[in-house]
Amino acid sequence: MPRVYLGIGSNVAREANIAGALESLRERFAPLTVSPVYESKAVGFDGPSFHNLVVGFDTDLDLLALRGALSEVEHRHGRCLEAPRYAPRPLDLDILLYGNRVFRTNGIEVPRRDILQYAFVLRPLADIAPDLRHPANGRRIADLWRAFDQTAQPLWPLPRARR
């Protein structure tokens, strides 16, 4: 079974939507490895700040079936598929990594480029999988985080709540 890592984000009813997403994911994919939650400014639009984290789990679902299951969770938490890309959202679940696969089809890209572009993805991934190697470039996630310009995209760790 591949180990999957998901990015989770919300800037609408953040605490409730993230808690609901974690509950839904635990029902289907437990046990989960859960990173700390970070707050960051919205990227690409003016809006409330986001809460972001990364979770890891093993699954027997193929990549497309997993994407479908995650879309159902997003929809249950108020995500509208017709919403603009850069807009407030109650819940965003992104497949960051699916085992060591490199995959680009049907609107799915793994490893997701966001890993290398955004602190709010790379930092929590480094927290829970520092020794994991990026499937495309072979570098350790911890090394990618150390090399990242951490001052360009500030993050604020949130107090640890029940997750």
N, C-alpha and C. Protein backbone atom coordinates (compact mmCIF):
# COMPACT_ATOMS: atom_id res chain seq x y z
N MET A 1 0.84 -1.18 0.00
CA MET A 1 0.00 0.00 0.00
C MET A 1 0.88 1.24 0.00
N PRO A 2 0.56 2.20 -0.85
CA PRO A 2 1.37 3.42 -0.85
C PRO A 2 1.06 4.30 0.36
N ARG A 3 2.08 5.03 0.79
CA ARG A 3 1.92 6.05 1.82
C ARG A 3 1.55 7.32 1.08
N VAL A 4 0.48 7.96 1.54
CA VAL A 4 -0.05 9.16 0.91
C VAL A 4 0.12 10.33 1.88
N TYR A 5 0.46 11.49 1.33
CA TYR A 5 0.51 12.71 2.12
C TYR A 5 -0.44 13.71 1.49
N LEU A 6 -1.30 14.30 2.33
CA LEU A 6 -2.26 15.29 1.88
C LEU A 6 -1.97 16.63 2.53
N GLY A 7 -2.15 17.71 1.76
CA GLY A 7 -2.18 19.04 2.31
C GLY A 7 -3.63 19.38 2.62
N ILE A 8 -3.86 19.95 3.80
CA ILE A 8 -5.20 20.36 4.21
C ILE A 8 -5.16 21.84 4.51
N GLY A 9 -6.11 22.58 3.96
CA GLY A 9 -6.18 24.01 4.21
C GLY A 9 -7.61 24.48 4.33
N SER A 10 -7.80 25.55 5.09
CA SER A 10 -9.12 26.16 5.25
C SER A 10 -8.95 27.61 5.68
N ASN A 11 -9.79 28.48 5.11
CA ASN A 11 -9.83 29.86 5.63
C ASN A 11 -11.27 30.32 5.86
N VAL A 12 -12.19 29.38 5.93
CA VAL A 12 -13.60 29.64 6.28
C VAL A 12 -13.96 28.65 7.38
N ALA A 13 -14.37 29.15 8.54
CA ALA A 13 -14.67 28.27 9.69
C ALA A 13 -13.53 27.26 9.85
N ARG A 14 -12.33 27.79 9.94
CA ARG A 14 -11.11 26.99 9.86
C ARG A 14 -11.06 25.83 10.85
N GLU A 15 -11.27 26.12 12.11
CA GLU A 15 -11.14 25.07 13.13
C GLU A 15 -12.15 23.96 12.90
N ALA A 16 -13.40 24.34 12.65
CA ALA A 16 -14.46 23.34 12.45
C ALA A 16 -14.22 22.51 11.20
N ASN A 17 -13.82 23.15 10.12
CA ASN A 17 -13.63 22.40 8.87
C ASN A 17 -12.41 21.49 8.92
N ILE A 18 -11.35 21.93 9.56
CA ILE A 18 -10.18 21.06 9.69
C ILE A 18 -10.49 19.89 10.62
N ALA A 19 -11.17 20.16 11.73
CA ALA A 19 -11.54 19.06 12.64
C ALA A 19 -12.45 18.07 11.92
N GLY A 20 -13.41 18.57 11.14
CA GLY A 20 -14.31 17.69 10.39
C GLY A 20 -13.57 16.87 9.35
N ALA A 21 -12.61 17.50 8.68
CA ALA A 21 -11.82 16.78 7.68
C ALA A 21 -11.01 15.67 8.33
N LEU A 22 -10.37 15.97 9.46
CA LEU A 22 -9.58 14.95 10.14
C LEU A 22 -10.46 13.79 10.61
N GLU A 23 -11.64 14.11 11.10
CA GLU A 23 -12.57 13.06 11.51
C GLU A 23 -12.96 12.18 10.32
N SER A 24 -13.30 12.80 9.20
CA SER A 24 -13.66 12.04 7.99
C SER A 24 -12.50 11.18 7.50
N LEU A 25 -11.29 11.74 7.52
CA LEU A 25 -10.12 10.99 7.07
C LEU A 25 -9.82 9.82 8.01
N ARG A 26 -9.98 10.04 9.31
CA ARG A 26 -9.74 8.95 10.27
C ARG A 26 -10.74 7.82 10.07
N GLU A 27 -11.99 8.16 9.77
CA GLU A 27 -13.00 7.13 9.55
C GLU A 27 -12.62 6.21 8.39
N ARG A 28 -11.98 6.76 7.39
CA ARG A 28 -11.68 6.00 6.17
C ARG A 28 -10.24 5.49 6.12
N PHE A 29 -9.28 6.24 6.68
CA PHE A 29 -7.87 5.94 6.44
C PHE A 29 -7.02 5.76 7.70
N ALA A 30 -7.61 5.70 8.87
CA ALA A 30 -6.83 5.60 10.11
C ALA A 30 -5.85 4.43 10.05
N PRO A 31 -4.71 4.58 10.70
CA PRO A 31 -4.26 5.72 11.49
C PRO A 31 -3.65 6.82 10.61
N LEU A 32 -3.75 8.05 11.09
CA LEU A 32 -3.19 9.21 10.41
C LEU A 32 -1.96 9.70 11.17
N THR A 33 -0.99 10.19 10.43
CA THR A 33 0.10 10.97 11.00
C THR A 33 -0.26 12.43 10.72
N VAL A 34 -0.34 13.25 11.76
CA VAL A 34 -0.85 14.62 11.62
C VAL A 34 0.22 15.62 12.03
N SER A 35 0.49 16.56 11.15
CA SER A 35 1.47 17.61 11.44
C SER A 35 0.87 18.67 12.36
N PRO A 36 1.71 19.55 12.87
CA PRO A 36 1.18 20.75 13.51
C PRO A 36 0.40 21.58 12.49
N VAL A 37 -0.45 22.46 13.00
CA VAL A 37 -1.23 23.36 12.15
C VAL A 37 -0.53 24.71 12.13
N TYR A 38 -0.47 25.30 10.94
CA TYR A 38 0.16 26.60 10.76
C TYR A 38 -0.84 27.57 10.17
N GLU A 39 -0.69 28.83 10.54
CA GLU A 39 -1.48 29.90 9.94
C GLU A 39 -0.59 30.63 8.95
N SER A 40 -1.19 30.99 7.81
CA SER A 40 -0.46 31.75 6.79
C SER A 40 -1.43 32.66 6.07
N LYS A 41 -0.87 33.70 5.48
CA LYS A 41 -1.69 34.62 4.70
C LYS A 41 -2.22 33.93 3.45
N ALA A 42 -3.36 34.38 2.96
CA ALA A 42 -3.91 33.87 1.71
C ALA A 42 -2.93 34.21 0.58
N VAL A 43 -2.81 33.30 -0.37
CA VAL A 43 -1.92 33.48 -1.52
C VAL A 43 -2.76 33.66 -2.77
N GLY A 44 -2.51 34.74 -3.51
CA GLY A 44 -3.19 34.96 -4.77
C GLY A 44 -4.46 35.79 -4.68
N PHE A 45 -4.89 36.12 -3.45
CA PHE A 45 -6.09 36.93 -3.27
C PHE A 45 -6.09 37.51 -1.86
N ASP A 46 -6.87 38.59 -1.68
CA ASP A 46 -7.04 39.15 -0.34
C ASP A 46 -8.16 38.39 0.34
N GLY A 47 -7.89 37.87 1.50
CA GLY A 47 -8.89 37.11 2.22
C GLY A 47 -8.36 36.72 3.58
N PRO A 48 -9.22 36.07 4.35
CA PRO A 48 -8.78 35.63 5.67
C PRO A 48 -7.58 34.68 5.56
N SER A 49 -6.78 34.66 6.60
CA SER A 49 -5.63 33.76 6.60
C SER A 49 -6.09 32.31 6.65
N PHE A 50 -5.19 31.43 6.23
CA PHE A 50 -5.47 30.00 6.17
C PHE A 50 -4.87 29.28 7.36
N HIS A 51 -5.48 28.20 7.73
CA HIS A 51 -4.87 27.20 8.60
C HIS A 51 -4.50 26.04 7.69
N ASN A 52 -3.27 25.55 7.82
CA ASN A 52 -2.76 24.48 6.95
C ASN A 52 -2.05 23.42 7.78
N LEU A 53 -2.12 22.19 7.31
CA LEU A 53 -1.41 21.08 7.91
C LEU A 53 -1.24 20.00 6.86
N VAL A 54 -0.50 18.97 7.20
CA VAL A 54 -0.30 17.82 6.33
C VAL A 54 -0.60 16.57 7.12
N VAL A 55 -1.24 15.60 6.48
CA VAL A 55 -1.47 14.29 7.10
C VAL A 55 -0.90 13.21 6.19
N GLY A 56 -0.50 12.13 6.80
CA GLY A 56 0.00 10.97 6.07
C GLY A 56 -0.78 9.74 6.48
N PHE A 57 -0.98 8.82 5.53
CA PHE A 57 -1.66 7.55 5.82
C PHE A 57 -1.39 6.59 4.67
N ASP A 58 -1.66 5.32 4.94
CA ASP A 58 -1.55 4.29 3.91
C ASP A 58 -2.95 4.02 3.35
N THR A 59 -3.01 3.72 2.05
CA THR A 59 -4.30 3.42 1.44
C THR A 59 -4.16 2.35 0.38
N ASP A 60 -5.25 1.62 0.19
CA ASP A 60 -5.29 0.65 -0.90
C ASP A 60 -6.04 1.22 -2.11
N LEU A 61 -6.50 2.45 -2.01
CA LEU A 61 -7.19 3.10 -3.13
C LEU A 61 -6.16 3.52 -4.18
N ASP A 62 -6.55 3.40 -5.45
CA ASP A 62 -5.68 3.95 -6.49
C ASP A 62 -5.82 5.46 -6.46
N LEU A 63 -4.97 6.12 -7.18
CA LEU A 63 -4.89 7.58 -7.13
C LEU A 63 -6.21 8.26 -7.51
N LEU A 64 -6.86 7.80 -8.55
CA LEU A 64 -8.11 8.42 -8.99
C LEU A 64 -9.24 8.17 -7.99
N ALA A 65 -9.30 6.98 -7.43
CA ALA A 65 -10.32 6.68 -6.41
C ALA A 65 -10.08 7.53 -5.16
N LEU A 66 -8.82 7.70 -4.80
CA LEU A 66 -8.49 8.55 -3.65
C LEU A 66 -8.94 9.98 -3.91
N ARG A 67 -8.65 10.51 -5.10
CA ARG A 67 -9.08 11.87 -5.43
C ARG A 67 -10.59 12.00 -5.30
N GLY A 68 -11.33 10.99 -5.76
CA GLY A 68 -12.79 11.01 -5.63
C GLY A 68 -13.25 11.01 -4.18
N ALA A 69 -12.62 10.19 -3.35
CA ALA A 69 -12.97 10.14 -1.93
C ALA A 69 -12.69 11.48 -1.25
N LEU A 70 -11.59 12.11 -1.60
CA LEU A 70 -11.25 13.41 -1.01
C LEU A 70 -12.20 14.50 -1.48
N SER A 71 -12.62 14.43 -2.73
CA SER A 71 -13.59 15.40 -3.25
C SER A 71 -14.91 15.30 -2.48
N GLU A 72 -15.30 14.09 -2.13
CA GLU A 72 -16.52 13.91 -1.33
C GLU A 72 -16.39 14.59 0.03
N VAL A 73 -15.23 14.43 0.66
CA VAL A 73 -15.00 15.06 1.96
C VAL A 73 -15.06 16.58 1.81
N GLU A 74 -14.41 17.12 0.79
CA GLU A 74 -14.44 18.58 0.56
C GLU A 74 -15.88 19.05 0.36
N HIS A 75 -16.64 18.33 -0.43
CA HIS A 75 -18.03 18.71 -0.72
C HIS A 75 -18.87 18.69 0.56
N ARG A 76 -18.68 17.68 1.41
CA ARG A 76 -19.43 17.60 2.67
C ARG A 76 -19.13 18.79 3.58
N HIS A 77 -17.99 19.42 3.37
CA HIS A 77 -17.61 20.57 4.20
C HIS A 77 -17.79 21.90 3.46
N GLY A 78 -18.62 21.90 2.42
CA GLY A 78 -19.01 23.14 1.77
C GLY A 78 -18.16 23.60 0.62
N ARG A 79 -17.23 22.78 0.15
CA ARG A 79 -16.39 23.17 -0.98
C ARG A 79 -17.23 23.14 -2.25
N CYS A 80 -17.20 24.23 -2.99
CA CYS A 80 -17.93 24.35 -4.25
C CYS A 80 -16.95 24.19 -5.40
N LEU A 81 -17.19 23.23 -6.27
CA LEU A 81 -16.27 22.97 -7.37
C LEU A 81 -16.19 24.12 -8.36
N GLU A 82 -17.24 24.93 -8.42
CA GLU A 82 -17.25 26.04 -9.37
C GLU A 82 -16.59 27.30 -8.81
N ALA A 83 -16.15 27.27 -7.58
CA ALA A 83 -15.53 28.45 -6.98
C ALA A 83 -14.21 28.77 -7.69
N PRO A 84 -13.86 30.04 -7.77
CA PRO A 84 -12.58 30.41 -8.40
C PRO A 84 -11.41 29.79 -7.63
N ARG A 85 -10.31 29.59 -8.34
CA ARG A 85 -9.12 28.99 -7.74
C ARG A 85 -8.59 29.83 -6.57
N TYR A 86 -8.52 31.11 -6.75
CA TYR A 86 -8.00 32.00 -5.71
C TYR A 86 -9.15 32.70 -5.03
N ALA A 87 -9.74 32.00 -4.06
CA ALA A 87 -10.89 32.52 -3.32
C ALA A 87 -10.93 31.82 -1.96
N PRO A 88 -11.64 32.42 -1.00
CA PRO A 88 -11.79 31.74 0.28
C PRO A 88 -12.40 30.34 0.08
N ARG A 89 -12.01 29.42 0.94
CA ARG A 89 -12.55 28.07 0.82
C ARG A 89 -12.68 27.43 2.19
N PRO A 90 -13.77 26.70 2.38
CA PRO A 90 -13.95 26.02 3.66
C PRO A 90 -12.97 24.87 3.84
N LEU A 91 -12.64 24.17 2.76
CA LEU A 91 -11.74 23.03 2.90
C LEU A 91 -11.08 22.73 1.57
N ASP A 92 -9.79 22.49 1.64
CA ASP A 92 -8.99 22.12 0.46
C ASP A 92 -8.14 20.92 0.86
N LEU A 93 -8.33 19.80 0.14
CA LEU A 93 -7.54 18.60 0.37
C LEU A 93 -6.76 18.31 -0.90
N ASP A 94 -5.45 18.39 -0.82
CA ASP A 94 -4.59 18.19 -1.99
C ASP A 94 -3.68 16.98 -1.77
N ILE A 95 -3.65 16.10 -2.76
CA ILE A 95 -2.73 14.97 -2.71
C ILE A 95 -1.35 15.52 -3.05
N LEU A 96 -0.46 15.47 -2.08
CA LEU A 96 0.91 15.96 -2.27
C LEU A 96 1.81 14.86 -2.82
N LEU A 97 1.72 13.70 -2.19
CA LEU A 97 2.55 12.56 -2.57
C LEU A 97 1.71 11.29 -2.51
N TYR A 98 1.97 10.39 -3.42
CA TYR A 98 1.31 9.08 -3.47
C TYR A 98 2.42 8.06 -3.64
N GLY A 99 2.91 7.54 -2.52
CA GLY A 99 4.07 6.66 -2.57
C GLY A 99 5.23 7.41 -3.21
N ASN A 100 5.97 6.73 -4.06
CA ASN A 100 7.07 7.39 -4.75
C ASN A 100 6.74 7.63 -6.22
N ARG A 101 5.45 7.67 -6.51
CA ARG A 101 5.01 7.83 -7.89
C ARG A 101 5.15 9.27 -8.39
N VAL A 102 5.40 9.38 -9.68
CA VAL A 102 5.34 10.65 -10.39
C VAL A 102 4.22 10.47 -11.39
N PHE A 103 3.20 11.33 -11.29
CA PHE A 103 1.96 11.10 -12.03
C PHE A 103 1.36 12.44 -12.45
N ARG A 104 0.99 12.56 -13.70
CA ARG A 104 0.34 13.77 -14.20
C ARG A 104 -0.71 13.38 -15.22
N THR A 105 -1.96 13.36 -14.76
CA THR A 105 -3.07 13.06 -15.66
C THR A 105 -4.39 13.38 -14.98
N ASN A 106 -5.42 13.57 -15.76
CA ASN A 106 -6.77 13.81 -15.24
C ASN A 106 -6.81 14.91 -14.18
N GLY A 107 -6.01 15.94 -14.35
CA GLY A 107 -6.01 17.05 -13.39
C GLY A 107 -5.30 16.74 -12.09
N ILE A 108 -4.62 15.60 -12.01
CA ILE A 108 -3.88 15.24 -10.79
C ILE A 108 -2.39 15.26 -11.12
N GLU A 109 -1.64 15.88 -10.23
CA GLU A 109 -0.20 15.95 -10.39
C GLU A 109 0.45 15.55 -9.06
N VAL A 110 1.21 14.46 -9.07
CA VAL A 110 1.99 14.09 -7.89
C VAL A 110 3.40 13.76 -8.34
N PRO A 111 4.41 14.20 -7.63
CA PRO A 111 4.28 15.05 -6.46
C PRO A 111 3.74 16.43 -6.85
N ARG A 112 2.96 16.98 -5.97
CA ARG A 112 2.36 18.29 -6.24
C ARG A 112 3.43 19.38 -6.18
N ARG A 113 3.39 20.27 -7.14
CA ARG A 113 4.38 21.36 -7.21
C ARG A 113 4.37 22.24 -5.96
N ASP A 114 3.24 22.32 -5.30
CA ASP A 114 3.11 23.14 -4.09
C ASP A 114 4.16 22.79 -3.04
N ILE A 115 4.61 21.55 -3.03
CA ILE A 115 5.62 21.13 -2.05
C ILE A 115 6.85 22.03 -2.14
N LEU A 116 7.26 22.34 -3.34
CA LEU A 116 8.47 23.13 -3.54
C LEU A 116 8.20 24.63 -3.59
N GLN A 117 6.94 25.03 -3.65
CA GLN A 117 6.60 26.44 -3.83
C GLN A 117 6.10 27.15 -2.58
N TYR A 118 5.49 26.41 -1.66
CA TYR A 118 4.81 27.07 -0.56
C TYR A 118 5.27 26.55 0.80
N ALA A 119 5.62 27.49 1.68
CA ALA A 119 6.03 27.13 3.03
C ALA A 119 4.92 26.40 3.77
N PHE A 120 3.67 26.78 3.54
CA PHE A 120 2.55 26.16 4.26
C PHE A 120 2.31 24.71 3.86
N VAL A 121 2.98 24.24 2.82
CA VAL A 121 2.94 22.83 2.44
C VAL A 121 4.23 22.14 2.89
N LEU A 122 5.37 22.73 2.56
CA LEU A 122 6.66 22.10 2.83
C LEU A 122 6.95 21.98 4.32
N ARG A 123 6.68 23.01 5.11
CA ARG A 123 7.01 22.97 6.55
C ARG A 123 6.26 21.85 7.27
N PRO A 124 4.92 21.75 7.14
CA PRO A 124 4.27 20.64 7.85
C PRO A 124 4.64 19.26 7.31
N LEU A 125 4.95 19.17 6.03
CA LEU A 125 5.42 17.90 5.48
C LEU A 125 6.78 17.54 6.09
N ALA A 126 7.65 18.52 6.23
CA ALA A 126 8.95 18.28 6.85
C ALA A 126 8.80 17.89 8.32
N ASP A 127 7.76 18.40 8.98
CA ASP A 127 7.53 18.05 10.38
C ASP A 127 7.24 16.56 10.55
N ILE A 128 6.49 15.97 9.62
CA ILE A 128 6.07 14.57 9.81
C ILE A 128 6.84 13.57 8.94
N ALA A 129 7.56 14.04 7.94
CA ALA A 129 8.28 13.13 7.05
C ALA A 129 9.63 13.71 6.64
N PRO A 130 10.47 14.08 7.60
CA PRO A 130 11.72 14.77 7.26
C PRO A 130 12.67 13.94 6.40
N ASP A 131 12.68 12.64 6.58
CA ASP A 131 13.63 11.80 5.85
C ASP A 131 13.08 11.26 4.53
N LEU A 132 11.83 11.54 4.26
CA LEU A 132 11.23 11.12 3.00
C LEU A 132 11.93 11.83 1.84
N ARG A 133 12.11 11.14 0.75
CA ARG A 133 12.73 11.74 -0.43
C ARG A 133 11.66 12.14 -1.43
N HIS A 134 11.83 13.34 -1.97
CA HIS A 134 10.92 13.84 -3.00
C HIS A 134 11.07 12.93 -4.22
N PRO A 135 9.96 12.37 -4.74
CA PRO A 135 10.07 11.40 -5.83
C PRO A 135 10.67 11.95 -7.13
N ALA A 136 10.54 13.24 -7.37
CA ALA A 136 11.04 13.80 -8.62
C ALA A 136 12.49 14.24 -8.54
N ASN A 137 12.91 14.79 -7.40
CA ASN A 137 14.29 15.31 -7.34
C ASN A 137 15.19 14.52 -6.38
N GLY A 138 14.64 13.59 -5.63
CA GLY A 138 15.43 12.73 -4.76
C GLY A 138 15.94 13.36 -3.48
N ARG A 139 15.62 14.63 -3.24
CA ARG A 139 16.12 15.30 -2.03
C ARG A 139 15.23 15.01 -0.84
N ARG A 140 15.84 14.96 0.34
CA ARG A 140 15.08 14.77 1.57
C ARG A 140 14.19 15.98 1.82
N ILE A 141 13.00 15.73 2.35
CA ILE A 141 12.06 16.81 2.63
C ILE A 141 12.66 17.80 3.63
N ALA A 142 13.35 17.31 4.64
CA ALA A 142 13.99 18.20 5.62
C ALA A 142 15.01 19.11 4.95
N ASP A 143 15.77 18.57 4.00
CA ASP A 143 16.76 19.38 3.29
C ASP A 143 16.08 20.42 2.40
N LEU A 144 14.98 20.04 1.78
CA LEU A 144 14.22 21.01 0.98
C LEU A 144 13.72 22.16 1.85
N TRP A 145 13.24 21.84 3.07
CA TRP A 145 12.77 22.89 3.97
C TRP A 145 13.91 23.79 4.42
N ARG A 146 15.05 23.21 4.74
CA ARG A 146 16.20 24.03 5.17
C ARG A 146 16.64 24.98 4.06
N ALA A 147 16.54 24.56 2.80
CA ALA A 147 16.96 25.38 1.67
C ALA A 147 15.90 26.39 1.24
N PHE A 148 14.69 26.26 1.75
CA PHE A 148 13.58 27.13 1.35
C PHE A 148 13.76 28.52 1.96
N ASP A 149 13.39 29.57 1.23
CA ASP A 149 13.45 30.93 1.77
C ASP A 149 12.29 31.11 2.75
N GLN A 150 12.55 30.81 4.00
CA GLN A 150 11.51 30.79 5.02
C GLN A 150 11.03 32.19 5.40
N THR A 151 11.78 33.23 5.05
CA THR A 151 11.35 34.59 5.38
C THR A 151 10.36 35.13 4.36
N ALA A 152 10.32 34.56 3.16
CA ALA A 152 9.44 35.06 2.10
C ALA A 152 7.98 34.72 2.34
N GLN A 153 7.71 33.64 3.05
CA GLN A 153 6.35 33.19 3.30
C GLN A 153 6.20 32.85 4.79
N PRO A 154 5.93 33.84 5.61
CA PRO A 154 5.86 33.59 7.05
C PRO A 154 4.73 32.63 7.42
N LEU A 155 5.01 31.82 8.42
CA LEU A 155 4.04 30.89 8.99
C LEU A 155 4.00 31.10 10.49
N TRP A 156 2.83 30.87 11.07
CA TRP A 156 2.70 30.96 12.51
C TRP A 156 2.16 29.64 13.02
N PRO A 157 2.94 28.91 13.82
CA PRO A 157 2.41 27.66 14.38
C PRO A 157 1.28 27.97 15.35
N LEU A 158 0.26 27.16 15.31
CA LEU A 158 -0.88 27.33 16.20
C LEU A 158 -0.72 26.41 17.40
N PRO A 159 -1.30 26.80 18.52
CA PRO A 159 -1.23 25.91 19.69
C PRO A 159 -1.82 24.55 19.34
N ARG A 160 -1.22 23.51 19.87
CA ARG A 160 -1.65 22.14 19.59
C ARG A 160 -3.02 21.91 20.20
N ALA A 161 -3.98 21.65 19.36
CA ALA A 161 -5.32 21.30 19.80
C ALA A 161 -5.51 19.81 19.59
N ARG A 162 -6.61 19.29 20.06
CA ARG A 162 -6.90 17.87 19.83
C ARG A 162 -7.06 17.66 18.33
N ARG A 163 -6.23 16.76 17.78
CA ARG A 163 -6.32 16.49 16.34
C ARG A 163 -6.50 15.01 16.13
